[in-house]
Amino acid sequence: MKKRYYFIIALVIFIPTMIVLSLIKDSHQKPNIKISNNEIVTSVPNCSEPTIKIDEIQNIKLFDNVEVGNKQVGYKEDKCYAGYFDTQFGTCFIYINPNIHSYIYFETKDDNCLINYENEEKTKELYGIMNNK
């Protein structure tokens, strides 16, 4: 009986501790974007991590300015907005540095997306790659 009691107490302490540690770990990760093998791979803390196949992209447009509103789910700091946000295009998956004023908007079968890359020049290069798929 005592062993069972100690086991239940250990579970009650262990499970919430693991959940809290997992949430802390996720919240301290930085967003990341990689382009390889004809895919755009994003990693955003506390958010789904879509992989976007470049050949499935439709309706690609390049913008110098966009309006980004409230965060629905994701990550928002001075140099990076990542996750699902309200935008002038509706709710979009975005991965942007708001200080880089070059944005690629596109649609996939699942999402509307708004991204930019390391700088304005790299963003325009990526736009060229995506547009010439």
C-alpha atoms as a PDB file:
ATOM      1  CA  MET A   1       0.000   0.000   0.000  1.00  0.00           C
ATOM      2  CA  LYS A   2       2.805   2.432   0.918  1.00  0.00           C
ATOM      3  CA  LYS A   3       4.669   1.717  -2.331  1.00  0.00           C
ATOM      4  CA  ARG A   4       1.579   2.508  -4.345  1.00  0.00           C
ATOM      5  CA  TYR A   5       1.083   5.758  -2.417  1.00  0.00           C
ATOM      6  CA  TYR A   6       4.687   6.865  -3.097  1.00  0.00           C
ATOM      7  CA  PHE A   7       4.367   5.904  -6.751  1.00  0.00           C
ATOM      8  CA  ILE A   8       1.239   8.048  -7.180  1.00  0.00           C
ATOM      9  CA  ILE A   9       2.907  11.004  -5.435  1.00  0.00           C
ATOM     10  CA  ALA A  10       5.965  10.627  -7.678  1.00  0.00           C
ATOM     11  CA  LEU A  11       3.744  10.646 -10.790  1.00  0.00           C
ATOM     12  CA  VAL A  12       1.814  13.696  -9.581  1.00  0.00           C
ATOM     13  CA  ILE A  13       5.109  15.569  -9.174  1.00  0.00           C
ATOM     14  CA  PHE A  14       6.959  14.167 -12.212  1.00  0.00           C
ATOM     15  CA  ILE A  15       4.353  14.659 -14.970  1.00  0.00           C
ATOM     16  CA  PRO A  16       3.604  18.375 -14.336  1.00  0.00           C
ATOM     17  CA  THR A  17       7.340  19.043 -13.924  1.00  0.00           C
ATOM     18  CA  MET A  18       8.058  17.488 -17.321  1.00  0.00           C
ATOM     19  CA  ILE A  19       5.256  19.497 -18.953  1.00  0.00           C
ATOM     20  CA  VAL A  20       6.560  22.768 -17.488  1.00  0.00           C
ATOM     21  CA  LEU A  21      10.157  21.979 -18.525  1.00  0.00           C
ATOM     22  CA  SER A  22       9.009  21.167 -22.057  1.00  0.00           C
ATOM     23  CA  LEU A  23       7.122  24.463 -22.335  1.00  0.00           C
ATOM     24  CA  ILE A  24      10.118  26.411 -21.031  1.00  0.00           C
ATOM     25  CA  LYS A  25      12.411  24.681 -23.529  1.00  0.00           C
ATOM     26  CA  ASP A  26      10.056  25.473 -26.437  1.00  0.00           C
ATOM     27  CA  SER A  27       9.639  29.102 -25.453  1.00  0.00           C
ATOM     28  CA  HIS A  28      13.412  29.700 -25.412  1.00  0.00           C
ATOM     29  CA  GLN A  29      14.053  28.331 -28.906  1.00  0.00           C
ATOM     30  CA  LYS A  30      14.574  30.827 -31.705  1.00  0.00           C
ATOM     31  CA  PRO A  31      12.663  30.582 -34.980  1.00  0.00           C
ATOM     32  CA  ASN A  32      14.593  29.302 -37.970  1.00  0.00           C
ATOM     33  CA  ILE A  33      14.067  29.089 -41.723  1.00  0.00           C
ATOM     34  CA  LYS A  34      16.003  26.885 -44.145  1.00  0.00           C
ATOM     35  CA  ILE A  35      15.732  26.430 -47.880  1.00  0.00           C
ATOM     36  CA  SER A  36      16.857  23.105 -49.302  1.00  0.00           C
ATOM     37  CA  ASN A  37      15.712  20.337 -51.617  1.00  0.00           C
ATOM     38  CA  ASN A  38      13.058  22.543 -53.232  1.00  0.00           C
ATOM     39  CA  GLU A  39      11.452  23.170 -49.821  1.00  0.00           C
ATOM     40  CA  ILE A  40      11.154  26.018 -47.346  1.00  0.00           C
ATOM     41  CA  VAL A  41      11.439  24.541 -43.848  1.00  0.00           C
ATOM     42  CA  THR A  42      10.424  26.666 -40.869  1.00  0.00           C
ATOM     43  CA  SER A  43      10.858  26.032 -37.184  1.00  0.00           C
ATOM     44  CA  VAL A  44       8.778  28.206 -34.865  1.00  0.00           C
ATOM     45  CA  PRO A  45       8.532  27.694 -31.075  1.00  0.00           C
ATOM     46  CA  ASN A  46       5.045  26.845 -29.771  1.00  0.00           C
ATOM     47  CA  CYS A  47       3.670  26.578 -33.299  1.00  0.00           C
ATOM     48  CA  SER A  48       3.239  24.040 -36.064  1.00  0.00           C
ATOM     49  CA  GLU A  49       6.284  23.812 -38.298  1.00  0.00           C
ATOM     50  CA  PRO A  50       5.120  23.737 -41.888  1.00  0.00           C
ATOM     51  CA  THR A  51       7.369  22.571 -44.676  1.00  0.00           C
ATOM     52  CA  ILE A  52       6.442  24.374 -47.859  1.00  0.00           C
ATOM     53  CA  LYS A  53       7.216  22.680 -51.158  1.00  0.00           C
ATOM     54  CA  ILE A  54       8.252  25.371 -53.623  1.00  0.00           C
ATOM     55  CA  ASP A  55       6.512  23.640 -56.545  1.00  0.00           C
ATOM     56  CA  GLU A  56       3.150  23.750 -54.660  1.00  0.00           C
ATOM     57  CA  ILE A  57       3.271  27.532 -54.263  1.00  0.00           C
ATOM     58  CA  GLN A  58       0.679  29.650 -56.084  1.00  0.00           C
ATOM     59  CA  ASN A  59      -0.039  33.357 -56.476  1.00  0.00           C
ATOM     60  CA  ILE A  60       3.426  34.673 -55.549  1.00  0.00           C
ATOM     61  CA  LYS A  61       3.806  38.419 -55.004  1.00  0.00           C
ATOM     62  CA  LEU A  62       6.648  40.627 -53.785  1.00  0.00           C
ATOM     63  CA  PHE A  63       5.815  43.568 -51.483  1.00  0.00           C
ATOM     64  CA  ASP A  64       7.826  46.396 -49.937  1.00  0.00           C
ATOM     65  CA  ASN A  65       5.343  46.979 -47.106  1.00  0.00           C
ATOM     66  CA  VAL A  66       2.730  44.812 -45.422  1.00  0.00           C
ATOM     67  CA  GLU A  67       0.403  45.279 -42.480  1.00  0.00           C
ATOM     68  CA  VAL A  68       0.848  42.703 -39.729  1.00  0.00           C
ATOM     69  CA  GLY A  69      -1.682  42.744 -36.917  1.00  0.00           C
ATOM     70  CA  ASN A  70      -2.260  40.555 -33.897  1.00  0.00           C
ATOM     71  CA  LYS A  71      -0.449  37.297 -33.256  1.00  0.00           C
ATOM     72  CA  GLN A  72      -2.771  34.274 -33.209  1.00  0.00           C
ATOM     73  CA  VAL A  73      -0.151  31.606 -32.399  1.00  0.00           C
ATOM     74  CA  GLY A  74       3.600  31.891 -32.551  1.00  0.00           C
ATOM     75  CA  TYR A  75       6.535  34.098 -31.715  1.00  0.00           C
ATOM     76  CA  LYS A  76       6.898  37.876 -31.775  1.00  0.00           C
ATOM     77  CA  GLU A  77      10.055  39.796 -30.929  1.00  0.00           C
ATOM     78  CA  ASP A  78      11.713  42.917 -32.322  1.00  0.00           C
ATOM     79  CA  LYS A  79      13.606  41.078 -35.071  1.00  0.00           C
ATOM     80  CA  CYS A  80      11.322  38.133 -35.784  1.00  0.00           C
ATOM     81  CA  TYR A  81       7.613  37.470 -36.183  1.00  0.00           C
ATOM     82  CA  ALA A  82       6.844  33.812 -36.753  1.00  0.00           C
ATOM     83  CA  GLY A  83       3.612  31.857 -36.600  1.00  0.00           C
ATOM     84  CA  TYR A  84       0.029  32.710 -37.478  1.00  0.00           C
ATOM     85  CA  PHE A  85      -0.793  36.436 -37.546  1.00  0.00           C
ATOM     86  CA  ASP A  86      -3.605  38.644 -38.798  1.00  0.00           C
ATOM     87  CA  THR A  87      -2.456  40.493 -41.929  1.00  0.00           C
ATOM     88  CA  GLN A  88      -3.923  42.529 -44.765  1.00  0.00           C
ATOM     89  CA  PHE A  89      -4.368  39.150 -46.539  1.00  0.00           C
ATOM     90  CA  GLY A  90      -6.284  37.567 -43.648  1.00  0.00           C
ATOM     91  CA  THR A  91      -4.703  35.141 -41.194  1.00  0.00           C
ATOM     92  CA  CYS A  92      -1.344  34.037 -42.597  1.00  0.00           C
ATOM     93  CA  PHE A  93       1.556  31.887 -41.566  1.00  0.00           C
ATOM     94  CA  ILE A  94       4.392  34.383 -41.425  1.00  0.00           C
ATOM     95  CA  TYR A  95       8.118  34.205 -40.909  1.00  0.00           C
ATOM     96  CA  ILE A  96       9.511  37.710 -41.190  1.00  0.00           C
ATOM     97  CA  ASN A  97      12.010  40.151 -39.810  1.00  0.00           C
ATOM     98  CA  PRO A  98       9.879  43.321 -39.639  1.00  0.00           C
ATOM     99  CA  ASN A  99      13.024  45.437 -40.104  1.00  0.00           C
ATOM    100  CA  ILE A 100      13.621  43.995 -43.603  1.00  0.00           C
ATOM    101  CA  HIS A 101      11.232  45.766 -45.968  1.00  0.00           C
ATOM    102  CA  SER A 102      10.849  43.123 -48.630  1.00  0.00           C
ATOM    103  CA  TYR A 103       8.175  40.452 -48.269  1.00  0.00           C
ATOM    104  CA  ILE A 104       7.066  37.460 -50.310  1.00  0.00           C
ATOM    105  CA  TYR A 105       3.365  36.627 -50.125  1.00  0.00           C
ATOM    106  CA  PHE A 106       2.156  33.314 -51.531  1.00  0.00           C
ATOM    107  CA  GLU A 107      -0.553  30.725 -51.179  1.00  0.00           C
ATOM    108  CA  THR A 108      -0.425  26.964 -50.789  1.00  0.00           C
ATOM    109  CA  LYS A 109      -3.312  24.519 -50.624  1.00  0.00           C
ATOM    110  CA  ASP A 110      -3.201  24.760 -46.803  1.00  0.00           C
ATOM    111  CA  ASP A 111      -2.115  28.304 -45.951  1.00  0.00           C
ATOM    112  CA  ASN A 112      -1.531  31.866 -47.005  1.00  0.00           C
ATOM    113  CA  CYS A 113       2.091  32.684 -46.202  1.00  0.00           C
ATOM    114  CA  LEU A 114       4.246  35.755 -45.812  1.00  0.00           C
ATOM    115  CA  ILE A 115       8.019  35.425 -45.492  1.00  0.00           C
ATOM    116  CA  ASN A 116      11.248  37.266 -45.934  1.00  0.00           C
ATOM    117  CA  TYR A 117      14.811  36.040 -45.773  1.00  0.00           C
ATOM    118  CA  GLU A 118      18.155  37.225 -44.338  1.00  0.00           C
ATOM    119  CA  ASN A 119      18.015  40.649 -46.033  1.00  0.00           C
ATOM    120  CA  GLU A 120      16.184  42.436 -48.856  1.00  0.00           C
ATOM    121  CA  GLU A 121      18.545  41.128 -51.546  1.00  0.00           C
ATOM    122  CA  LYS A 122      18.252  37.499 -50.368  1.00  0.00           C
ATOM    123  CA  THR A 123      14.474  37.886 -50.166  1.00  0.00           C
ATOM    124  CA  LYS A 124      14.354  39.047 -53.789  1.00  0.00           C
ATOM    125  CA  GLU A 125      16.619  36.132 -54.815  1.00  0.00           C
ATOM    126  CA  LEU A 126      14.259  33.718 -53.052  1.00  0.00           C
ATOM    127  CA  TYR A 127      11.323  35.355 -54.818  1.00  0.00           C
ATOM    128  CA  GLY A 128      13.065  34.707 -58.144  1.00  0.00           C
ATOM    129  CA  ILE A 129      13.624  31.043 -57.246  1.00  0.00           C
ATOM    130  CA  MET A 130      10.013  30.608 -56.132  1.00  0.00           C
ATOM    131  CA  ASN A 131       8.619  32.436 -59.150  1.00  0.00           C
ATOM    132  CA  ASN A 132      10.652  30.347 -61.635  1.00  0.00           C
ATOM    133  CA  LYS A 133       9.723  26.965 -60.166  1.00  0.00           C
END
